[in-house]
Amino acid sequence: MAKVIDALNSLNIKKFILNGEPTSEDEFNKMFLKVTGSDENNTVITSSNKSDFGVTWKQITDKQKELDVEYDKNEYQRDRQDAYPPIGDQLDALYHGGVFPKEMADLIKLVKDKYPKG
């Protein structure tokens, strides 16, 4: 499940302090502080006033659901990424298979010549 911080970032909420992972509106209102500025000593000024938050708990939970749907929808990408051979092996196979344009193959050959196998 997407975290509250993920939803806040996705909603483009900036300059805040979140103390923990709230699971209810009441917890969110207690754990969230909006940074509203700084004083002459560069000490952060925060607000616990909900009207300063720029976001509601409903917006956060709706965004979390949206992010979870997107995450689940892209499970195949994560599965493929884990199953593919390392990118270096893929590129080496393409090089040895003669798939690269001549310019790229020449650049790769320079590197291979400079650093030959032990």
C-alpha atoms as a PDB file:
ATOM      1  CA  MET A   1       0.000   0.000   0.000  1.00  0.00           C
ATOM      2  CA  ALA A   2       1.227   3.475  -0.859  1.00  0.00           C
ATOM      3  CA  LYS A   3       2.410   5.463   2.124  1.00  0.00           C
ATOM      4  CA  VAL A   4       1.019   8.863   3.088  1.00  0.00           C
ATOM      5  CA  ILE A   5       4.340  10.454   2.097  1.00  0.00           C
ATOM      6  CA  ASP A   6       3.967   8.948  -1.406  1.00  0.00           C
ATOM      7  CA  ALA A   7       0.492  10.462  -1.733  1.00  0.00           C
ATOM      8  CA  LEU A   8       1.682  13.861  -0.469  1.00  0.00           C
ATOM      9  CA  ASN A   9       4.568  13.889  -2.937  1.00  0.00           C
ATOM     10  CA  SER A  10       2.294  12.805  -5.773  1.00  0.00           C
ATOM     11  CA  LEU A  11      -0.149  15.575  -4.841  1.00  0.00           C
ATOM     12  CA  ASN A  12       2.767  18.016  -5.034  1.00  0.00           C
ATOM     13  CA  ILE A  13       2.503  19.003  -1.367  1.00  0.00           C
ATOM     14  CA  LYS A  14       5.789  20.646  -0.405  1.00  0.00           C
ATOM     15  CA  LYS A  15       7.411  21.872   2.795  1.00  0.00           C
ATOM     16  CA  PHE A  16       5.862  19.816   5.548  1.00  0.00           C
ATOM     17  CA  ILE A  17       6.782  17.630   8.483  1.00  0.00           C
ATOM     18  CA  LEU A  18       5.131  14.246   8.918  1.00  0.00           C
ATOM     19  CA  ASN A  19       5.813  12.490  12.209  1.00  0.00           C
ATOM     20  CA  GLY A  20       4.980   8.849  11.514  1.00  0.00           C
ATOM     21  CA  GLU A  21       2.547   7.048   9.217  1.00  0.00           C
ATOM     22  CA  PRO A  22      -1.005   8.138  10.030  1.00  0.00           C
ATOM     23  CA  THR A  23      -3.842   5.699   9.415  1.00  0.00           C
ATOM     24  CA  SER A  24      -6.772   8.010  10.117  1.00  0.00           C
ATOM     25  CA  GLU A  25      -7.730  11.644   9.669  1.00  0.00           C
ATOM     26  CA  ASP A  26      -7.331  12.263  13.385  1.00  0.00           C
ATOM     27  CA  GLU A  27      -3.802  10.822  13.364  1.00  0.00           C
ATOM     28  CA  PHE A  28      -2.943  12.809  10.228  1.00  0.00           C
ATOM     29  CA  ASN A  29      -4.104  16.051  11.824  1.00  0.00           C
ATOM     30  CA  LYS A  30      -1.870  15.328  14.829  1.00  0.00           C
ATOM     31  CA  MET A  31       1.189  14.130  12.856  1.00  0.00           C
ATOM     32  CA  PHE A  32       1.248  16.634   9.979  1.00  0.00           C
ATOM     33  CA  LEU A  33       2.729  20.115  10.216  1.00  0.00           C
ATOM     34  CA  LYS A  34       2.825  22.513   7.299  1.00  0.00           C
ATOM     35  CA  VAL A  35       5.981  24.599   7.007  1.00  0.00           C
ATOM     36  CA  THR A  36       4.789  28.173   6.556  1.00  0.00           C
ATOM     37  CA  GLY A  37       8.107  29.994   6.663  1.00  0.00           C
ATOM     38  CA  SER A  38      11.158  30.691   8.784  1.00  0.00           C
ATOM     39  CA  ASP A  39      12.149  33.342  11.285  1.00  0.00           C
ATOM     40  CA  GLU A  40      15.187  35.635  11.365  1.00  0.00           C
ATOM     41  CA  ASN A  41      17.294  32.744  12.735  1.00  0.00           C
ATOM     42  CA  ASN A  42      16.202  30.462   9.872  1.00  0.00           C
ATOM     43  CA  THR A  43      14.172  28.390  12.306  1.00  0.00           C
ATOM     44  CA  VAL A  44      11.267  26.725  10.562  1.00  0.00           C
ATOM     45  CA  ILE A  45       7.800  28.017  11.358  1.00  0.00           C
ATOM     46  CA  THR A  46       5.095  25.363  11.175  1.00  0.00           C
ATOM     47  CA  SER A  47       1.335  25.308  11.391  1.00  0.00           C
ATOM     48  CA  SER A  48      -0.978  22.609  12.686  1.00  0.00           C
ATOM     49  CA  ASN A  49      -3.993  24.495  11.333  1.00  0.00           C
ATOM     50  CA  LYS A  50      -5.790  22.277   8.798  1.00  0.00           C
ATOM     51  CA  SER A  51      -6.569  25.305   6.623  1.00  0.00           C
ATOM     52  CA  ASP A  52      -2.800  25.709   6.033  1.00  0.00           C
ATOM     53  CA  PHE A  53      -2.231  22.075   5.004  1.00  0.00           C
ATOM     54  CA  GLY A  54      -3.146  22.444   1.331  1.00  0.00           C
ATOM     55  CA  VAL A  55      -4.536  18.902   1.327  1.00  0.00           C
ATOM     56  CA  THR A  56      -7.282  16.905   2.988  1.00  0.00           C
ATOM     57  CA  TRP A  57      -7.193  13.393   4.398  1.00  0.00           C
ATOM     58  CA  LYS A  58      -9.689  12.320   1.717  1.00  0.00           C
ATOM     59  CA  GLN A  59      -7.398  13.606  -1.033  1.00  0.00           C
ATOM     60  CA  ILE A  60      -4.535  11.648   0.523  1.00  0.00           C
ATOM     61  CA  THR A  61      -6.457   8.381   0.834  1.00  0.00           C
ATOM     62  CA  ASP A  62      -7.878   8.776  -2.696  1.00  0.00           C
ATOM     63  CA  LYS A  63      -4.347   9.305  -4.026  1.00  0.00           C
ATOM     64  CA  GLN A  64      -3.075   6.283  -2.081  1.00  0.00           C
ATOM     65  CA  LYS A  65      -5.745   4.128  -3.740  1.00  0.00           C
ATOM     66  CA  GLU A  66      -4.796   5.529  -7.143  1.00  0.00           C
ATOM     67  CA  LEU A  67      -1.114   4.834  -6.525  1.00  0.00           C
ATOM     68  CA  ASP A  68      -1.918   1.281  -5.369  1.00  0.00           C
ATOM     69  CA  VAL A  69      -3.916   0.603  -8.548  1.00  0.00           C
ATOM     70  CA  GLU A  70      -1.021   1.911 -10.660  1.00  0.00           C
ATOM     71  CA  TYR A  71       1.475  -0.186  -8.699  1.00  0.00           C
ATOM     72  CA  ASP A  72      -0.597  -3.347  -9.122  1.00  0.00           C
ATOM     73  CA  LYS A  73      -1.158  -2.625 -12.815  1.00  0.00           C
ATOM     74  CA  ASN A  74       2.595  -2.514 -13.396  1.00  0.00           C
ATOM     75  CA  GLU A  75       3.486  -5.719 -11.548  1.00  0.00           C
ATOM     76  CA  TYR A  76       4.540  -7.305 -14.841  1.00  0.00           C
ATOM     77  CA  GLN A  77       7.250  -4.631 -15.226  1.00  0.00           C
ATOM     78  CA  ARG A  78       8.770  -5.481 -11.852  1.00  0.00           C
ATOM     79  CA  ASP A  79       8.538  -9.212 -12.600  1.00  0.00           C
ATOM     80  CA  ARG A  80      10.252  -8.746 -15.968  1.00  0.00           C
ATOM     81  CA  GLN A  81      12.973  -6.545 -14.507  1.00  0.00           C
ATOM     82  CA  ASP A  82      13.850  -9.240 -11.979  1.00  0.00           C
ATOM     83  CA  ALA A  83      13.799 -11.968 -14.650  1.00  0.00           C
ATOM     84  CA  TYR A  84      15.819 -10.264 -17.397  1.00  0.00           C
ATOM     85  CA  PRO A  85      19.546 -10.910 -17.610  1.00  0.00           C
ATOM     86  CA  PRO A  86      21.731  -7.999 -16.413  1.00  0.00           C
ATOM     87  CA  ILE A  87      21.827  -5.096 -18.894  1.00  0.00           C
ATOM     88  CA  GLY A  88      25.567  -5.557 -19.430  1.00  0.00           C
ATOM     89  CA  ASP A  89      24.972  -9.124 -20.594  1.00  0.00           C
ATOM     90  CA  GLN A  90      22.191  -7.963 -22.907  1.00  0.00           C
ATOM     91  CA  LEU A  91      24.385  -5.281 -24.463  1.00  0.00           C
ATOM     92  CA  ASP A  92      27.323  -7.660 -24.832  1.00  0.00           C
ATOM     93  CA  ALA A  93      25.089 -10.146 -26.653  1.00  0.00           C
ATOM     94  CA  LEU A  94      23.918  -7.401 -29.015  1.00  0.00           C
ATOM     95  CA  TYR A  95      27.516  -6.330 -29.652  1.00  0.00           C
ATOM     96  CA  HIS A  96      28.659  -9.879 -30.388  1.00  0.00           C
ATOM     97  CA  GLY A  97      25.562 -10.433 -32.517  1.00  0.00           C
ATOM     98  CA  GLY A  98      26.532  -7.489 -34.708  1.00  0.00           C
ATOM     99  CA  VAL A  99      23.369  -5.548 -33.962  1.00  0.00           C
ATOM    100  CA  PHE A 100      24.950  -2.199 -33.040  1.00  0.00           C
ATOM    101  CA  PRO A 101      25.540   0.505 -35.664  1.00  0.00           C
ATOM    102  CA  LYS A 102      29.188   0.640 -36.767  1.00  0.00           C
ATOM    103  CA  GLU A 103      29.907   3.805 -34.776  1.00  0.00           C
ATOM    104  CA  MET A 104      28.696   2.231 -31.539  1.00  0.00           C
ATOM    105  CA  ALA A 105      30.449  -1.068 -32.246  1.00  0.00           C
ATOM    106  CA  ASP A 106      33.701   0.870 -32.861  1.00  0.00           C
ATOM    107  CA  LEU A 107      33.340   2.690 -29.523  1.00  0.00           C
ATOM    108  CA  ILE A 108      32.698  -0.572 -27.687  1.00  0.00           C
ATOM    109  CA  LYS A 109      35.669  -2.212 -29.399  1.00  0.00           C
ATOM    110  CA  LEU A 110      37.912   0.644 -28.246  1.00  0.00           C
ATOM    111  CA  VAL A 111      36.870  -0.005 -24.642  1.00  0.00           C
ATOM    112  CA  LYS A 112      37.274  -3.776 -24.999  1.00  0.00           C
ATOM    113  CA  ASP A 113      40.741  -3.288 -26.540  1.00  0.00           C
ATOM    114  CA  LYS A 114      41.769  -0.853 -23.801  1.00  0.00           C
ATOM    115  CA  TYR A 115      40.583  -3.237 -21.060  1.00  0.00           C
ATOM    116  CA  PRO A 116      41.069  -6.791 -22.406  1.00  0.00           C
ATOM    117  CA  LYS A 117      39.891  -9.894 -20.548  1.00  0.00           C
ATOM    118  CA  GLY A 118      42.394 -11.042 -17.942  1.00  0.00           C
END
